[in-house]
Amino acid sequence: MSSVVEEVRLSLPHIELAAHLFGPEDGLPVIALHGWLDNANSFARLAPKLKGLRIIALDMAGHGHSGHRPNGAGYALWDYAHDVLQVAEQLGWKRFALLGHSLGAIVSLVLAGSLPERVTHLALIDGIIPPTDKGENAAERMGMALQAQLDLREKRKPVYSTLDRAIEARMKGLVAVSREAAELLAQRGLMPVPGGYTWRTDNRLTLPSPLRLTTEQAMAFVQRVSCPAHLVVAADGMLAKHPELLERLPFSREQLPGGHHLHLNDEPGADLVADCFNRFFAVP
């Protein structure tokens, strides 16, 4: 197990991304993708426990220390998939594994289903297919999203007077996390502003998606995955509430105790996930 982490910046043709590098240079290439409104520190506890892997854990666009997309651009799943491909091209990785949590797991699936020849392993944590909707709701959803873009001009990020208050707010977020997890995410996620601290994340990340796939379209990505795939389901997370979806997946899976951020929330959780994925990757 290696505890050494290296900070890197990647100047892609369209955006600059920040990342952490873990593991031996000759290890199996892995690109790690965090969840919505998180950052590369999502893997700070897990990545050092994974053996024989060369992991680049990205701050995805609009998150952490990475750049924000230009005015007029958005944060669609396929845009993140394009980012990952550009990272692989820059690193010279023709084939690579994907390790994703939540949103990062969804992006990983989209890429592995779109270009299956590029992905060697798919390791997913409490995330799988994109959010879906019925086709007849498409116009209404588009209208809601367009209006939200207009309204965003009036929306201001919250400013917290102290670091501690910002950390406490993250602990009680849409998906609650432990204090230790919130502190790790805050290390890369907060920046000083007049009056205190605010999150670096792009405000546009909170906009509703203008387009959702139907369930049939989303499952098409699952069906095209050709590499070994393993899904960790958090017992108290999001996927455990959808057993009907889990039963449709052709991937191997394992349910582990803990919430949605089980790989980050506490050491036992990180150890359990690491044991699971070390068996999955089984790098000599």
Protein backbone atom coordinates (compact mmCIF):
# COMPACT_ATOMS: atom_id res chain seq x y z
CA MET A 1 0.00 0.00 0.00
CA SER A 2 1.35 3.43 -0.96
CA SER A 3 0.41 6.59 0.94
CA VAL A 4 2.25 8.88 -1.48
CA VAL A 5 -0.01 11.17 -3.47
CA GLU A 6 1.10 13.54 -6.20
CA GLU A 7 -0.79 16.69 -7.24
CA VAL A 8 -0.96 17.20 -11.01
CA ARG A 9 -2.60 19.58 -13.47
CA LEU A 10 -3.70 18.52 -16.94
CA SER A 11 -3.97 21.16 -19.67
CA LEU A 12 -6.49 19.59 -22.03
CA PRO A 13 -7.38 21.22 -25.36
CA HIS A 14 -10.63 22.61 -23.91
CA ILE A 15 -10.12 22.87 -20.12
CA GLU A 16 -7.56 22.52 -17.33
CA LEU A 17 -8.18 19.77 -14.78
CA ALA A 18 -6.54 19.10 -11.42
CA ALA A 19 -5.94 15.60 -10.11
CA HIS A 20 -4.21 13.38 -7.57
CA LEU A 21 -1.92 10.55 -8.68
CA PHE A 22 -1.60 7.39 -6.59
CA GLY A 23 0.31 4.16 -6.90
CA PRO A 24 3.29 2.84 -8.87
CA GLU A 25 4.06 4.29 -12.30
CA ASP A 26 3.90 0.83 -13.87
CA GLY A 27 0.57 -0.01 -12.22
CA LEU A 28 -2.66 -0.77 -14.05
CA PRO A 29 -3.97 2.57 -15.41
CA VAL A 30 -7.12 3.72 -13.58
CA ILE A 31 -9.08 6.97 -13.89
CA ALA A 32 -11.13 7.70 -10.76
CA LEU A 33 -14.23 9.90 -10.92
CA HIS A 34 -15.94 11.34 -7.85
CA GLY A 35 -19.57 12.18 -7.16
CA TRP A 36 -21.62 15.33 -7.73
CA LEU A 37 -20.25 18.38 -5.85
CA ASP A 38 -17.36 16.30 -4.44
CA ASN A 39 -13.73 16.33 -5.58
CA ALA A 40 -10.61 14.16 -5.90
CA ASN A 41 -10.35 13.86 -2.10
CA SER A 42 -13.34 11.52 -2.34
CA PHE A 43 -10.68 8.84 -2.98
CA ALA A 44 -8.16 10.04 -0.36
CA ARG A 45 -8.85 7.06 1.91
CA LEU A 46 -9.59 4.41 -0.69
CA ALA A 47 -6.93 4.94 -3.36
CA PRO A 48 -3.87 4.34 -1.13
CA LYS A 49 -5.34 0.97 -0.13
CA LEU A 50 -5.66 -0.31 -3.71
CA LYS A 51 -2.75 -2.47 -4.84
CA GLY A 52 -0.88 -2.43 -8.14
CA LEU A 53 -2.91 0.42 -9.64
CA ARG A 54 -1.76 3.73 -11.14
CA ILE A 55 -4.75 5.88 -10.21
CA ILE A 56 -5.41 9.40 -11.41
CA ALA A 57 -8.27 10.81 -9.32
CA LEU A 58 -9.68 13.83 -11.13
CA ASP A 59 -11.32 16.95 -9.87
CA MET A 60 -14.03 16.76 -12.53
CA ALA A 61 -14.75 19.92 -14.49
CA GLY A 62 -16.44 22.56 -12.32
CA HIS A 63 -15.29 20.84 -9.11
CA GLY A 64 -12.35 21.28 -6.73
CA HIS A 65 -9.30 22.91 -8.33
CA SER A 66 -10.32 22.14 -11.91
CA GLY A 67 -11.46 24.75 -14.37
CA HIS A 68 -15.10 25.69 -14.98
CA ARG A 69 -16.63 25.28 -18.39
CA PRO A 70 -16.89 28.50 -20.45
CA ASN A 71 -20.02 30.63 -20.51
CA GLY A 72 -22.76 28.98 -22.51
CA ALA A 73 -21.43 25.46 -21.95
CA GLY A 74 -22.95 22.88 -19.62
CA TYR A 75 -22.14 19.79 -17.61
CA ALA A 76 -23.76 16.94 -19.51
CA LEU A 77 -22.67 13.36 -18.84
CA TRP A 78 -21.15 13.05 -22.32
CA ASP A 79 -19.05 16.17 -21.72
CA TYR A 80 -17.50 14.48 -18.67
CA ALA A 81 -16.91 11.34 -20.75
CA HIS A 82 -15.10 13.50 -23.33
CA ASP A 83 -12.94 14.96 -20.54
CA VAL A 84 -11.92 11.47 -19.43
CA LEU A 85 -10.94 10.49 -22.96
CA GLN A 86 -8.82 13.62 -23.29
CA VAL A 87 -7.09 12.77 -19.99
CA ALA A 88 -6.35 9.26 -21.27
CA GLU A 89 -4.99 10.67 -24.53
CA GLN A 90 -2.68 13.05 -22.66
CA LEU A 91 -1.39 10.23 -20.46
CA GLY A 92 -0.93 7.92 -23.44
CA TRP A 93 -3.38 5.37 -22.06
CA LYS A 94 -5.03 3.54 -24.96
CA ARG A 95 -6.80 1.26 -22.50
CA PHE A 96 -7.60 2.03 -18.88
CA ALA A 97 -9.87 1.07 -16.01
CA LEU A 98 -12.53 3.30 -14.50
CA LEU A 99 -13.30 3.70 -10.79
CA GLY A 100 -16.39 5.81 -10.17
CA HIS A 101 -18.58 6.90 -7.27
CA SER A 102 -22.15 8.14 -7.76
CA LEU A 103 -22.04 10.67 -10.65
CA GLY A 104 -18.55 9.39 -11.41
CA ALA A 105 -19.93 5.84 -11.64
CA ILE A 106 -22.59 7.01 -14.10
CA VAL A 107 -20.00 8.77 -16.28
CA SER A 108 -17.83 5.64 -16.11
CA LEU A 109 -20.71 3.47 -17.31
CA VAL A 110 -21.55 5.88 -20.14
CA LEU A 111 -17.95 5.79 -21.36
CA ALA A 112 -17.52 2.02 -20.94
CA GLY A 113 -20.73 1.43 -22.88
CA SER A 114 -19.91 3.97 -25.58
CA LEU A 115 -16.32 2.88 -26.26
CA PRO A 116 -16.04 -0.60 -24.72
CA GLU A 117 -12.73 -1.28 -26.43
CA ARG A 118 -11.02 1.43 -24.37
CA VAL A 119 -12.02 0.23 -20.85
CA THR A 120 -10.36 -2.75 -19.13
CA HIS A 121 -12.26 -2.78 -15.81
CA LEU A 122 -15.34 -1.00 -14.45
CA ALA A 123 -15.38 -0.51 -10.66
CA LEU A 124 -18.49 1.29 -9.45
CA ILE A 125 -19.52 2.60 -6.00
CA ASP A 126 -23.23 3.22 -5.38
CA GLY A 127 -23.96 4.51 -8.86
CA ILE A 128 -24.80 2.96 -12.20
CA ILE A 129 -27.17 4.31 -14.88
CA PRO A 130 -28.05 7.95 -15.61
CA PRO A 131 -31.28 9.27 -14.05
CA THR A 132 -34.13 8.36 -16.37
CA ASP A 133 -37.53 9.77 -17.30
CA LYS A 134 -40.43 8.91 -19.58
CA GLY A 135 -40.12 10.18 -23.12
CA GLU A 136 -43.37 12.15 -22.92
CA ASN A 137 -41.86 14.38 -20.21
CA ALA A 138 -39.02 15.63 -22.43
CA ALA A 139 -40.52 19.00 -23.41
CA GLU A 140 -41.60 19.88 -19.87
CA ARG A 141 -38.16 18.98 -18.51
CA MET A 142 -36.44 21.07 -21.18
CA GLY A 143 -38.59 24.08 -20.29
CA MET A 144 -37.81 23.70 -16.59
CA ALA A 145 -34.08 23.51 -17.34
CA LEU A 146 -34.09 26.53 -19.66
CA GLN A 147 -35.93 28.62 -17.07
CA ALA A 148 -33.50 27.50 -14.36
CA GLN A 149 -30.60 28.72 -16.51
CA LEU A 150 -32.19 32.17 -16.67
CA ASP A 151 -32.87 32.21 -12.93
CA LEU A 152 -29.28 31.22 -12.11
CA ARG A 153 -28.16 34.81 -12.73
CA GLU A 154 -29.83 35.78 -9.44
CA LYS A 155 -28.45 32.85 -7.45
CA ARG A 156 -25.49 33.46 -5.16
CA LYS A 157 -23.36 30.88 -3.41
CA PRO A 158 -23.62 30.76 0.39
CA VAL A 159 -20.71 32.33 2.28
CA TYR A 160 -19.72 30.75 5.60
CA SER A 161 -18.03 32.92 8.20
CA THR A 162 -15.70 30.11 9.33
CA LEU A 163 -14.29 26.89 7.93
CA ASP A 164 -16.07 24.99 10.66
CA ARG A 165 -19.47 26.29 9.59
CA ALA A 166 -18.79 25.32 5.99
CA ILE A 167 -17.76 21.84 7.07
CA GLU A 168 -20.87 21.47 9.22
CA ALA A 169 -23.04 22.52 6.26
CA ARG A 170 -21.40 19.84 4.09
CA MET A 171 -22.01 17.24 6.79
CA LYS A 172 -25.74 18.01 6.56
CA GLY A 173 -25.87 18.26 2.75
CA LEU A 174 -28.22 16.48 0.37
CA VAL A 175 -26.19 13.34 1.13
CA ALA A 176 -24.92 13.53 4.71
CA VAL A 177 -21.28 12.64 5.39
CA SER A 178 -19.15 12.28 8.52
CA ARG A 179 -17.10 15.20 9.85
CA GLU A 180 -13.88 13.54 8.68
CA ALA A 181 -15.28 13.09 5.17
CA ALA A 182 -16.56 16.68 5.09
CA GLU A 183 -13.13 17.94 6.18
CA LEU A 184 -11.41 16.02 3.37
CA LEU A 185 -13.85 17.35 0.76
CA ALA A 186 -13.50 20.87 2.18
CA GLN A 187 -9.70 20.79 1.78
CA ARG A 188 -10.12 20.89 -2.00
CA GLY A 189 -13.60 22.33 -2.20
CA LEU A 190 -13.48 25.59 -0.26
CA MET A 191 -11.94 28.94 -1.14
CA PRO A 192 -11.64 32.21 0.82
CA VAL A 193 -13.92 35.09 -0.21
CA PRO A 194 -14.82 38.40 1.45
CA GLY A 195 -16.73 37.50 4.61
CA GLY A 196 -15.46 33.94 4.92
CA TYR A 197 -15.45 30.86 2.70
CA THR A 198 -17.50 29.44 -0.14
CA TRP A 199 -17.34 26.34 -2.34
CA ARG A 200 -15.27 26.38 -5.53
CA THR A 201 -17.88 24.38 -7.44
CA ASP A 202 -19.50 25.98 -10.48
CA ASN A 203 -23.04 27.18 -9.72
CA ARG A 204 -24.19 25.59 -12.99
CA LEU A 205 -23.66 22.15 -11.45
CA THR A 206 -26.91 22.65 -9.52
CA LEU A 207 -28.98 23.17 -12.68
CA PRO A 208 -31.47 20.43 -13.64
CA SER A 209 -30.57 18.33 -16.64
CA PRO A 210 -32.39 19.50 -19.80
CA LEU A 211 -32.50 15.95 -21.15
CA ARG A 212 -32.95 12.56 -19.50
CA LEU A 213 -32.68 9.21 -21.20
CA THR A 214 -35.48 6.68 -21.11
CA THR A 215 -34.78 3.53 -19.09
CA GLU A 216 -34.35 1.61 -22.35
CA GLN A 217 -31.73 4.10 -23.58
CA ALA A 218 -29.86 4.04 -20.26
CA MET A 219 -29.78 0.24 -20.18
CA ALA A 220 -28.28 0.24 -23.69
CA PHE A 221 -25.03 1.48 -22.12
CA VAL A 222 -25.09 -1.38 -19.60
CA GLN A 223 -25.59 -3.93 -22.35
CA ARG A 224 -22.58 -2.70 -24.38
CA VAL A 225 -20.07 -2.97 -21.53
CA SER A 226 -17.63 -5.74 -22.47
CA CYS A 227 -15.05 -5.54 -19.66
CA PRO A 228 -15.27 -7.07 -16.17
CA ALA A 229 -17.54 -4.86 -14.05
CA HIS A 230 -18.17 -4.87 -10.30
CA LEU A 231 -20.63 -2.73 -8.37
CA VAL A 232 -20.41 -1.93 -4.65
CA VAL A 233 -23.86 -1.21 -3.25
CA ALA A 234 -24.02 0.77 0.00
CA ALA A 235 -26.55 -0.89 2.34
CA ASP A 236 -27.82 2.54 3.44
CA GLY A 237 -27.12 4.30 0.14
CA MET A 238 -29.11 5.15 -2.98
CA LEU A 239 -29.02 1.97 -5.05
CA ALA A 240 -30.21 -0.33 -2.26
CA LYS A 241 -33.62 1.34 -2.60
CA HIS A 242 -33.91 0.09 -6.20
CA PRO A 243 -33.62 -3.72 -6.10
CA GLU A 244 -35.57 -3.96 -9.36
CA LEU A 245 -32.74 -2.10 -11.14
CA LEU A 246 -30.01 -4.14 -9.49
CA GLU A 247 -31.64 -7.37 -10.62
CA ARG A 248 -31.42 -6.20 -14.25
CA LEU A 249 -27.66 -5.63 -14.13
CA PRO A 250 -25.36 -8.29 -15.63
CA PHE A 251 -22.46 -7.06 -13.43
CA SER A 252 -21.13 -8.76 -10.32
CA ARG A 253 -22.02 -6.82 -7.20
CA GLU A 254 -21.47 -6.75 -3.46
CA GLN A 255 -23.48 -4.99 -0.77
CA LEU A 256 -21.41 -3.45 2.01
CA PRO A 257 -22.47 -1.71 5.24
CA GLY A 258 -22.51 2.07 5.17
CA GLY A 259 -24.04 5.06 3.45
CA HIS A 260 -23.60 6.56 0.00
CA HIS A 261 -20.03 7.74 0.80
CA LEU A 262 -19.00 4.48 2.48
CA HIS A 263 -15.56 4.60 0.77
CA LEU A 264 -14.83 7.95 2.42
CA ASN A 265 -16.92 8.21 5.58
CA ASP A 266 -14.86 6.01 7.88
CA GLU A 267 -11.84 3.72 7.84
CA PRO A 268 -13.81 0.44 8.09
CA GLY A 269 -15.81 1.48 5.02
CA ALA A 270 -12.70 2.32 3.02
CA ASP A 271 -11.10 -0.97 4.09
CA LEU A 272 -14.15 -3.00 3.01
CA VAL A 273 -14.36 -1.29 -0.38
CA ALA A 274 -10.60 -1.68 -0.86
CA ASP A 275 -10.76 -5.41 -0.07
CA CYS A 276 -13.59 -5.78 -2.56
CA PHE A 277 -11.81 -3.96 -5.39
CA ASN A 278 -8.41 -5.54 -4.67
CA ARG A 279 -10.08 -8.90 -5.30
CA PHE A 280 -11.76 -7.49 -8.41
CA PHE A 281 -8.60 -6.06 -9.97
CA ALA A 282 -6.38 -8.87 -8.61
CA VAL A 283 -3.21 -7.24 -9.93
CA PRO A 284 -0.23 -9.64 -9.36
